[in-house]
Amino acid sequence: MSSEIEELGEGHSPAAWTLVVVSLLGIALGTVAFFLEIAWLVWVGVAITLIGFLLGWVLGKAGYGVGGSRVQHKEH
């Protein structure tokens, strides 16, 4: 049994940042639209949030996730 634990990282990758930024924009838009009672814009915010998660997943599969082949690794 190996005593080494694989470090997964802290999510510092283009895929993770894209997911967070796009999803936060969708959540912010949906929140403002909810406050202003614009139902269709709330759903646009939901769609943008889901697109953010989809983009993060696709970029992760394309090698831009933590430990991905297209990410420049930095030594700490």
N, C-alpha and C. Protein backbone atom coordinates (compact mmCIF):
# COMPACT_ATOMS: atom_id res chain seq x y z
N MET A 1 0.85 -1.17 0.00
CA MET A 1 0.00 0.00 0.00
C MET A 1 0.90 1.23 0.00
N SER A 2 0.61 2.14 -0.88
CA SER A 2 1.40 3.35 -1.00
C SER A 2 0.88 4.40 -0.03
N SER A 3 1.81 5.12 0.58
CA SER A 3 1.41 6.16 1.53
C SER A 3 1.25 7.52 0.86
N GLU A 4 1.56 7.57 -0.44
CA GLU A 4 1.42 8.83 -1.16
C GLU A 4 -0.04 9.05 -1.55
N ILE A 5 -0.48 10.27 -1.39
CA ILE A 5 -1.84 10.63 -1.76
C ILE A 5 -1.76 11.53 -2.97
N GLU A 6 -2.54 11.19 -4.00
CA GLU A 6 -2.53 12.00 -5.21
C GLU A 6 -3.16 13.36 -4.93
N GLU A 7 -2.41 14.41 -5.24
CA GLU A 7 -2.92 15.76 -5.04
C GLU A 7 -3.78 16.14 -6.24
N LEU A 8 -5.04 16.46 -6.00
CA LEU A 8 -5.95 16.79 -7.08
C LEU A 8 -5.85 18.25 -7.50
N GLY A 9 -5.20 19.07 -6.71
CA GLY A 9 -5.09 20.48 -7.03
C GLY A 9 -6.23 21.26 -6.39
N GLU A 10 -6.23 22.54 -6.63
CA GLU A 10 -7.24 23.41 -6.03
C GLU A 10 -8.16 24.00 -7.08
N GLY A 11 -8.19 23.40 -8.25
CA GLY A 11 -9.07 23.89 -9.29
C GLY A 11 -8.53 25.06 -10.07
N HIS A 12 -7.22 25.29 -9.99
CA HIS A 12 -6.60 26.39 -10.73
C HIS A 12 -6.32 25.93 -12.15
N SER A 13 -7.34 26.00 -13.00
CA SER A 13 -7.20 25.58 -14.38
C SER A 13 -8.13 26.43 -15.24
N PRO A 14 -7.85 26.52 -16.52
CA PRO A 14 -8.75 27.26 -17.40
C PRO A 14 -10.18 26.73 -17.36
N ALA A 15 -10.34 25.42 -17.27
CA ALA A 15 -11.68 24.83 -17.22
C ALA A 15 -12.43 25.27 -15.96
N ALA A 16 -11.76 25.24 -14.83
CA ALA A 16 -12.40 25.62 -13.57
C ALA A 16 -12.74 27.10 -13.55
N TRP A 17 -11.82 27.94 -14.01
CA TRP A 17 -12.08 29.37 -14.01
C TRP A 17 -13.21 29.73 -14.96
N THR A 18 -13.26 29.09 -16.11
CA THR A 18 -14.35 29.34 -17.06
C THR A 18 -15.69 28.95 -16.44
N LEU A 19 -15.74 27.79 -15.83
CA LEU A 19 -16.97 27.34 -15.17
C LEU A 19 -17.43 28.35 -14.14
N VAL A 20 -16.54 28.80 -13.30
CA VAL A 20 -16.90 29.71 -12.21
C VAL A 20 -17.34 31.07 -12.74
N VAL A 21 -16.59 31.66 -13.67
CA VAL A 21 -16.90 33.00 -14.15
C VAL A 21 -18.23 33.01 -14.91
N VAL A 22 -18.43 32.08 -15.84
CA VAL A 22 -19.66 32.05 -16.62
C VAL A 22 -20.86 31.75 -15.72
N SER A 23 -20.70 30.81 -14.80
CA SER A 23 -21.80 30.47 -13.89
C SER A 23 -22.15 31.65 -12.97
N LEU A 24 -21.16 32.35 -12.47
CA LEU A 24 -21.44 33.51 -11.63
C LEU A 24 -22.16 34.62 -12.40
N LEU A 25 -21.80 34.81 -13.66
CA LEU A 25 -22.51 35.79 -14.48
C LEU A 25 -23.98 35.39 -14.65
N GLY A 26 -24.22 34.11 -14.89
CA GLY A 26 -25.59 33.62 -15.02
C GLY A 26 -26.38 33.77 -13.74
N ILE A 27 -25.75 33.47 -12.61
CA ILE A 27 -26.42 33.60 -11.31
C ILE A 27 -26.71 35.06 -11.01
N ALA A 28 -25.76 35.95 -11.30
CA ALA A 28 -25.98 37.37 -11.06
C ALA A 28 -27.12 37.90 -11.92
N LEU A 29 -27.13 37.54 -13.18
CA LEU A 29 -28.20 37.97 -14.08
C LEU A 29 -29.55 37.44 -13.60
N GLY A 30 -29.59 36.16 -13.25
CA GLY A 30 -30.84 35.58 -12.77
C GLY A 30 -31.33 36.21 -11.49
N THR A 31 -30.42 36.57 -10.61
CA THR A 31 -30.80 37.20 -9.34
C THR A 31 -31.40 38.59 -9.57
N VAL A 32 -30.75 39.38 -10.42
CA VAL A 32 -31.27 40.72 -10.73
C VAL A 32 -32.63 40.61 -11.43
N ALA A 33 -32.74 39.68 -12.37
CA ALA A 33 -34.01 39.49 -13.08
C ALA A 33 -35.12 39.03 -12.13
N PHE A 34 -34.78 38.19 -11.18
CA PHE A 34 -35.77 37.74 -10.20
C PHE A 34 -36.25 38.91 -9.35
N PHE A 35 -35.31 39.76 -8.94
CA PHE A 35 -35.65 40.94 -8.15
C PHE A 35 -36.56 41.89 -8.93
N LEU A 36 -36.28 42.02 -10.24
CA LEU A 36 -37.07 42.91 -11.09
C LEU A 36 -38.32 42.23 -11.66
N GLU A 37 -38.53 40.97 -11.30
CA GLU A 37 -39.70 40.17 -11.72
C GLU A 37 -39.79 40.04 -13.24
N ILE A 38 -38.65 39.73 -13.88
CA ILE A 38 -38.61 39.48 -15.31
C ILE A 38 -38.34 37.98 -15.49
N ALA A 39 -39.44 37.22 -15.58
CA ALA A 39 -39.35 35.76 -15.55
C ALA A 39 -38.48 35.19 -16.67
N TRP A 40 -38.65 35.68 -17.90
CA TRP A 40 -37.88 35.11 -19.00
C TRP A 40 -36.39 35.34 -18.83
N LEU A 41 -36.02 36.46 -18.20
CA LEU A 41 -34.60 36.75 -17.98
C LEU A 41 -34.02 35.88 -16.86
N VAL A 42 -34.87 35.49 -15.92
CA VAL A 42 -34.43 34.53 -14.90
C VAL A 42 -34.02 33.23 -15.58
N TRP A 43 -34.83 32.78 -16.54
CA TRP A 43 -34.52 31.53 -17.24
C TRP A 43 -33.28 31.66 -18.13
N VAL A 44 -33.04 32.85 -18.65
CA VAL A 44 -31.80 33.08 -19.40
C VAL A 44 -30.61 32.95 -18.45
N GLY A 45 -30.74 33.48 -17.24
CA GLY A 45 -29.68 33.34 -16.24
C GLY A 45 -29.43 31.88 -15.88
N VAL A 46 -30.51 31.11 -15.76
CA VAL A 46 -30.37 29.67 -15.49
C VAL A 46 -29.64 29.00 -16.64
N ALA A 47 -30.01 29.34 -17.87
CA ALA A 47 -29.36 28.74 -19.04
C ALA A 47 -27.87 29.09 -19.08
N ILE A 48 -27.53 30.35 -18.80
CA ILE A 48 -26.12 30.76 -18.80
C ILE A 48 -25.35 30.00 -17.72
N THR A 49 -25.96 29.81 -16.56
CA THR A 49 -25.32 29.05 -15.48
C THR A 49 -25.05 27.62 -15.92
N LEU A 50 -26.03 26.99 -16.54
CA LEU A 50 -25.84 25.61 -17.01
C LEU A 50 -24.80 25.54 -18.13
N ILE A 51 -24.78 26.55 -19.00
CA ILE A 51 -23.76 26.60 -20.05
C ILE A 51 -22.36 26.70 -19.43
N GLY A 52 -22.24 27.43 -18.32
CA GLY A 52 -20.96 27.52 -17.62
C GLY A 52 -20.47 26.15 -17.15
N PHE A 53 -21.38 25.36 -16.59
CA PHE A 53 -21.01 24.02 -16.14
C PHE A 53 -20.65 23.13 -17.33
N LEU A 54 -21.40 23.27 -18.42
CA LEU A 54 -21.10 22.48 -19.62
C LEU A 54 -19.74 22.87 -20.19
N LEU A 55 -19.45 24.17 -20.26
CA LEU A 55 -18.15 24.62 -20.75
C LEU A 55 -16.99 24.10 -19.89
N GLY A 56 -17.17 24.15 -18.58
CA GLY A 56 -16.14 23.63 -17.68
C GLY A 56 -15.87 22.16 -17.91
N TRP A 57 -16.93 21.40 -18.11
CA TRP A 57 -16.80 19.96 -18.34
C TRP A 57 -16.11 19.69 -19.68
N VAL A 58 -16.55 20.40 -20.72
CA VAL A 58 -15.97 20.21 -22.05
C VAL A 58 -14.49 20.60 -22.04
N LEU A 59 -14.16 21.73 -21.44
CA LEU A 59 -12.75 22.14 -21.37
C LEU A 59 -11.92 21.15 -20.56
N GLY A 60 -12.49 20.60 -19.50
CA GLY A 60 -11.78 19.59 -18.71
C GLY A 60 -11.47 18.36 -19.55
N LYS A 61 -12.46 17.91 -20.34
CA LYS A 61 -12.25 16.75 -21.20
C LYS A 61 -11.27 17.04 -22.34
N ALA A 62 -11.17 18.33 -22.72
CA ALA A 62 -10.26 18.72 -23.81
C ALA A 62 -8.83 18.92 -23.32
N GLY A 63 -8.58 18.72 -22.03
CA GLY A 63 -7.21 18.81 -21.52
C GLY A 63 -6.89 20.10 -20.78
N TYR A 64 -7.90 20.93 -20.53
CA TYR A 64 -7.66 22.20 -19.85
C TYR A 64 -8.04 22.15 -18.36
N GLY A 65 -8.29 20.97 -17.83
CA GLY A 65 -8.60 20.82 -16.42
C GLY A 65 -7.35 20.66 -15.58
N VAL A 66 -7.52 20.44 -14.28
CA VAL A 66 -6.39 20.24 -13.38
C VAL A 66 -5.63 18.99 -13.83
N GLY A 67 -4.35 19.15 -14.08
CA GLY A 67 -3.53 18.02 -14.53
C GLY A 67 -3.72 17.69 -15.99
N GLY A 68 -4.41 18.54 -16.73
CA GLY A 68 -4.67 18.28 -18.15
C GLY A 68 -3.42 18.43 -18.99
N SER A 69 -3.48 17.85 -20.16
CA SER A 69 -2.31 17.85 -21.04
C SER A 69 -2.04 19.21 -21.67
N ARG A 70 -3.02 20.09 -21.66
CA ARG A 70 -2.84 21.40 -22.29
C ARG A 70 -2.65 22.53 -21.28
N VAL A 71 -2.46 22.17 -20.03
CA VAL A 71 -2.29 23.17 -18.97
C VAL A 71 -0.82 23.26 -18.62
N GLN A 72 -0.32 24.49 -18.53
CA GLN A 72 1.06 24.68 -18.13
C GLN A 72 1.16 24.51 -16.62
N HIS A 73 1.95 23.55 -16.19
CA HIS A 73 2.07 23.24 -14.77
C HIS A 73 3.08 24.17 -14.10
N LYS A 74 2.72 24.65 -12.92
CA LYS A 74 3.60 25.54 -12.15
C LYS A 74 4.07 24.81 -10.91
N GLU A 75 5.33 24.97 -10.58
CA GLU A 75 5.85 24.41 -9.35
C GLU A 75 5.60 25.36 -8.21
N HIS A 76 5.24 24.85 -7.07
CA HIS A 76 4.97 25.69 -5.89
C HIS A 76 6.19 25.78 -5.03
